[in-house]
């Protein structure tokens, strides 16, 4: 009989990634959340450095509430 026979050996196939492990939507949402976090920190720093401490505290509280709601 010829090499390989009736049932030739299949080439090994690398395993597929888990479904949804890298999704464009999740990457976009992560980048968006990172941009919101940076903007919140910059807003607090700018308002605090301009002498408006009360407004900086309010912005900090709202951004903390936003991220606690998003991450929980």
Protein backbone atom coordinates (compact mmCIF):
# COMPACT_ATOMS: atom_id res chain seq x y z
CA UNK A 1 0.00 0.00 0.00
CA UNK A 2 1.19 3.57 -0.66
CA UNK A 3 2.43 5.90 2.07
CA UNK A 4 -0.49 7.42 3.89
CA UNK A 5 -2.85 4.55 3.27
CA UNK A 6 -6.60 4.91 3.21
CA UNK A 7 -6.75 7.41 6.08
CA UNK A 8 -4.01 10.03 5.66
CA UNK A 9 -2.92 11.86 8.80
CA UNK A 10 -4.42 15.34 9.15
CA UNK A 11 -2.09 18.26 9.73
CA UNK A 12 -2.30 19.63 13.26
CA UNK A 13 -4.34 22.81 13.44
CA UNK A 14 -3.52 25.43 16.09
CA UNK A 15 -6.37 25.95 18.59
CA UNK A 16 -8.72 28.82 17.93
CA UNK A 17 -8.89 31.73 20.32
CA UNK A 18 -11.77 31.76 22.76
CA UNK A 19 -14.88 33.35 21.33
CA UNK A 20 -14.88 37.06 22.00
CA UNK A 21 -11.46 37.21 23.61
CA UNK A 22 -10.40 40.09 21.36
CA UNK A 23 -13.37 42.07 20.17
CA UNK A 24 -13.23 45.42 18.41
CA UNK A 25 -16.16 46.63 20.47
CA UNK A 26 -14.44 45.79 23.76
CA UNK A 27 -11.22 47.48 22.64
CA UNK A 28 -13.16 50.59 21.61
CA UNK A 29 -14.99 50.69 24.94
CA UNK A 30 -11.70 50.30 26.81
CA UNK A 31 -10.12 53.17 24.89
CA UNK A 32 -13.21 55.30 25.51
CA UNK A 33 -13.13 54.60 29.25
CA UNK A 34 -9.43 55.42 29.35
CA UNK A 35 -10.07 58.74 27.61
CA UNK A 36 -12.89 59.57 30.04
CA UNK A 37 -10.62 58.77 33.00
CA UNK A 38 -7.83 60.98 31.67
CA UNK A 39 -10.30 63.80 31.01
CA UNK A 40 -11.69 63.51 34.54
CA UNK A 41 -8.23 63.69 36.11
CA UNK A 42 -7.26 66.65 33.92
CA UNK A 43 -10.52 68.43 34.79
CA UNK A 44 -9.92 67.99 38.52
CA UNK A 45 -6.32 69.20 38.26
CA UNK A 46 -7.19 72.23 36.13
CA UNK A 47 -10.10 73.33 38.31
CA UNK A 48 -8.10 72.81 41.51
CA UNK A 49 -5.13 74.75 40.15
CA UNK A 50 -7.37 77.61 39.08
CA UNK A 51 -8.60 78.00 42.65
CA UNK A 52 -12.02 76.37 42.34
CA UNK A 53 -11.62 73.62 44.90
CA UNK A 54 -15.36 73.09 45.38
CA UNK A 55 -15.89 72.47 41.68
CA UNK A 56 -12.87 70.13 41.60
CA UNK A 57 -14.39 68.09 44.43
CA UNK A 58 -17.74 67.93 42.62
CA UNK A 59 -16.08 66.77 39.38
CA UNK A 60 -14.12 64.17 41.33
CA UNK A 61 -17.25 62.87 43.03
CA UNK A 62 -19.15 62.61 39.74
CA UNK A 63 -16.28 60.86 37.96
CA UNK A 64 -15.85 58.44 40.87
CA UNK A 65 -19.58 57.69 40.79
CA UNK A 66 -19.41 57.12 37.04
CA UNK A 67 -16.52 54.68 37.26
CA UNK A 68 -17.96 52.86 40.26
CA UNK A 69 -21.14 52.32 38.25
CA UNK A 70 -19.27 51.25 35.10
CA UNK A 71 -16.86 48.87 36.81
CA UNK A 72 -19.32 47.20 39.19
